[in-house]
Amino acid sequence: MSVTLANVAATYAQMQKAAVAPGMEARSGASDFSKLVSQAAESTVNTMKQGEAASVLGLAGKIDLSQVVTAVSNAEVTLQAAVAVRDKVVQSYLEILRMPI
């Protein structure tokens, strides 16, 4: 058997598949996570915009005060959740940086 680049690449690919533990196969879901984060960010921004719009309509007297309070409360809770997630991500990143190599 002659050693060619194609044979070496095929052998390497087979060895790589064999070395992977069960359940640790590469997944194609990396883009799914980015979509999830993107959708969560869009949802947060939309909730904040709804709270602002409700405030403006409330000042104009076009909607009831309870609707304004509900929309602003939803925006506040969403903002608090986003800040909490951001804090956990930063904390995790700093913890990873402190790990010895």
C-alpha atoms as a PDB file:
ATOM      1  CA  MET A   1       0.000   0.000   0.000  1.00  0.00           C
ATOM      2  CA  SER A   2       1.439   3.325  -1.012  1.00  0.00           C
ATOM      3  CA  VAL A   3       1.259   6.283   1.310  1.00  0.00           C
ATOM      4  CA  THR A   4      -0.715   9.090  -0.252  1.00  0.00           C
ATOM      5  CA  LEU A   5      -2.262  12.193   1.172  1.00  0.00           C
ATOM      6  CA  ALA A   6      -5.745  10.752   0.668  1.00  0.00           C
ATOM      7  CA  ASN A   7      -4.842   7.545   2.547  1.00  0.00           C
ATOM      8  CA  VAL A   8      -3.320   9.507   5.414  1.00  0.00           C
ATOM      9  CA  ALA A   9      -6.362  11.779   5.667  1.00  0.00           C
ATOM     10  CA  ALA A  10      -8.776   8.830   5.608  1.00  0.00           C
ATOM     11  CA  THR A  11      -6.789   6.980   8.292  1.00  0.00           C
ATOM     12  CA  TYR A  12      -6.633  10.079  10.465  1.00  0.00           C
ATOM     13  CA  ALA A  13     -10.404  10.573  10.141  1.00  0.00           C
ATOM     14  CA  GLN A  14     -11.030   6.938  11.138  1.00  0.00           C
ATOM     15  CA  MET A  15      -8.739   7.237  14.155  1.00  0.00           C
ATOM     16  CA  GLN A  16     -10.428  10.454  15.210  1.00  0.00           C
ATOM     17  CA  LYS A  17     -13.876   8.833  15.085  1.00  0.00           C
ATOM     18  CA  ALA A  18     -12.633   5.823  17.056  1.00  0.00           C
ATOM     19  CA  ALA A  19     -11.048   8.001  19.747  1.00  0.00           C
ATOM     20  CA  VAL A  20     -14.270   9.837  20.537  1.00  0.00           C
ATOM     21  CA  ALA A  21     -16.087   8.548  23.608  1.00  0.00           C
ATOM     22  CA  PRO A  22     -19.777   7.612  23.242  1.00  0.00           C
ATOM     23  CA  GLY A  23     -21.968  10.670  23.527  1.00  0.00           C
ATOM     24  CA  MET A  24     -19.084  13.020  22.783  1.00  0.00           C
ATOM     25  CA  GLU A  25     -19.521  13.120  19.019  1.00  0.00           C
ATOM     26  CA  ALA A  26     -19.333  16.497  17.328  1.00  0.00           C
ATOM     27  CA  ARG A  27     -22.716  18.097  17.009  1.00  0.00           C
ATOM     28  CA  SER A  28     -23.978  20.400  14.350  1.00  0.00           C
ATOM     29  CA  GLY A  29     -25.938  22.365  16.963  1.00  0.00           C
ATOM     30  CA  ALA A  30     -23.420  25.161  17.392  1.00  0.00           C
ATOM     31  CA  SER A  31     -25.495  27.413  15.199  1.00  0.00           C
ATOM     32  CA  ASP A  32     -28.567  26.484  17.244  1.00  0.00           C
ATOM     33  CA  PHE A  33     -26.998  28.048  20.342  1.00  0.00           C
ATOM     34  CA  SER A  34     -26.176  31.249  18.488  1.00  0.00           C
ATOM     35  CA  LYS A  35     -29.759  31.364  17.201  1.00  0.00           C
ATOM     36  CA  LEU A  36     -31.052  30.862  20.742  1.00  0.00           C
ATOM     37  CA  VAL A  37     -28.928  33.714  22.080  1.00  0.00           C
ATOM     38  CA  SER A  38     -29.932  35.946  19.186  1.00  0.00           C
ATOM     39  CA  GLN A  39     -33.627  35.235  19.712  1.00  0.00           C
ATOM     40  CA  ALA A  40     -33.320  35.895  23.447  1.00  0.00           C
ATOM     41  CA  ALA A  41     -31.645  39.243  22.764  1.00  0.00           C
ATOM     42  CA  GLU A  42     -34.320  40.207  20.244  1.00  0.00           C
ATOM     43  CA  SER A  43     -37.050  39.223  22.692  1.00  0.00           C
ATOM     44  CA  THR A  44     -35.441  41.347  25.404  1.00  0.00           C
ATOM     45  CA  VAL A  45     -35.213  44.367  23.124  1.00  0.00           C
ATOM     46  CA  ASN A  46     -38.830  43.926  21.999  1.00  0.00           C
ATOM     47  CA  THR A  47     -40.041  43.729  25.604  1.00  0.00           C
ATOM     48  CA  MET A  48     -38.155  46.920  26.442  1.00  0.00           C
ATOM     49  CA  LYS A  49     -39.659  48.667  23.406  1.00  0.00           C
ATOM     50  CA  GLN A  50     -43.150  47.563  24.442  1.00  0.00           C
ATOM     51  CA  GLY A  51     -42.592  49.023  27.899  1.00  0.00           C
ATOM     52  CA  GLU A  52     -41.443  52.324  26.405  1.00  0.00           C
ATOM     53  CA  ALA A  53     -44.370  52.424  23.997  1.00  0.00           C
ATOM     54  CA  ALA A  54     -46.823  51.713  26.805  1.00  0.00           C
ATOM     55  CA  SER A  55     -45.293  54.538  28.853  1.00  0.00           C
ATOM     56  CA  VAL A  56     -45.707  56.980  25.975  1.00  0.00           C
ATOM     57  CA  LEU A  57     -49.289  55.868  25.347  1.00  0.00           C
ATOM     58  CA  GLY A  58     -50.013  56.114  29.065  1.00  0.00           C
ATOM     59  CA  LEU A  59     -48.731  59.693  29.159  1.00  0.00           C
ATOM     60  CA  ALA A  60     -50.949  60.496  26.198  1.00  0.00           C
ATOM     61  CA  GLY A  61     -53.907  58.967  28.041  1.00  0.00           C
ATOM     62  CA  LYS A  62     -54.548  56.368  25.349  1.00  0.00           C
ATOM     63  CA  ILE A  63     -54.200  53.263  27.535  1.00  0.00           C
ATOM     64  CA  ASP A  64     -55.077  52.390  31.103  1.00  0.00           C
ATOM     65  CA  LEU A  65     -52.561  52.850  33.903  1.00  0.00           C
ATOM     66  CA  SER A  66     -52.660  49.127  34.775  1.00  0.00           C
ATOM     67  CA  GLN A  67     -51.522  48.282  31.227  1.00  0.00           C
ATOM     68  CA  VAL A  68     -48.641  50.726  31.567  1.00  0.00           C
ATOM     69  CA  VAL A  69     -47.598  49.241  34.905  1.00  0.00           C
ATOM     70  CA  THR A  70     -47.781  45.697  33.515  1.00  0.00           C
ATOM     71  CA  ALA A  71     -45.687  46.553  30.447  1.00  0.00           C
ATOM     72  CA  VAL A  72     -43.081  48.445  32.467  1.00  0.00           C
ATOM     73  CA  SER A  73     -42.910  45.636  35.046  1.00  0.00           C
ATOM     74  CA  ASN A  74     -42.362  43.093  32.271  1.00  0.00           C
ATOM     75  CA  ALA A  75     -39.585  45.254  30.850  1.00  0.00           C
ATOM     76  CA  GLU A  76     -37.997  45.606  34.294  1.00  0.00           C
ATOM     77  CA  VAL A  77     -38.039  41.859  34.962  1.00  0.00           C
ATOM     78  CA  THR A  78     -36.620  41.172  31.512  1.00  0.00           C
ATOM     79  CA  LEU A  79     -33.824  43.666  32.057  1.00  0.00           C
ATOM     80  CA  GLN A  80     -33.004  42.164  35.460  1.00  0.00           C
ATOM     81  CA  ALA A  81     -32.856  38.682  33.923  1.00  0.00           C
ATOM     82  CA  ALA A  82     -30.585  39.883  31.110  1.00  0.00           C
ATOM     83  CA  VAL A  83     -28.243  41.553  33.593  1.00  0.00           C
ATOM     84  CA  ALA A  84     -28.181  38.411  35.765  1.00  0.00           C
ATOM     85  CA  VAL A  85     -27.290  36.251  32.764  1.00  0.00           C
ATOM     86  CA  ARG A  86     -24.594  38.717  31.709  1.00  0.00           C
ATOM     87  CA  ASP A  87     -23.132  38.689  35.230  1.00  0.00           C
ATOM     88  CA  LYS A  88     -23.029  34.873  35.268  1.00  0.00           C
ATOM     89  CA  VAL A  89     -21.318  34.773  31.863  1.00  0.00           C
ATOM     90  CA  VAL A  90     -18.680  37.272  33.002  1.00  0.00           C
ATOM     91  CA  GLN A  91     -18.205  35.388  36.274  1.00  0.00           C
ATOM     92  CA  SER A  92     -17.771  32.101  34.398  1.00  0.00           C
ATOM     93  CA  TYR A  93     -15.304  33.672  31.989  1.00  0.00           C
ATOM     94  CA  LEU A  94     -13.231  35.045  34.865  1.00  0.00           C
ATOM     95  CA  GLU A  95     -13.297  31.652  36.567  1.00  0.00           C
ATOM     96  CA  ILE A  96     -12.011  30.006  33.393  1.00  0.00           C
ATOM     97  CA  LEU A  97      -9.208  32.562  33.207  1.00  0.00           C
ATOM     98  CA  ARG A  98      -8.147  31.675  36.757  1.00  0.00           C
ATOM     99  CA  MET A  99      -7.854  27.954  35.956  1.00  0.00           C
ATOM    100  CA  PRO A 100      -4.297  26.665  35.850  1.00  0.00           C
ATOM    101  CA  ILE A 101      -3.207  25.249  32.547  1.00  0.00           C
END
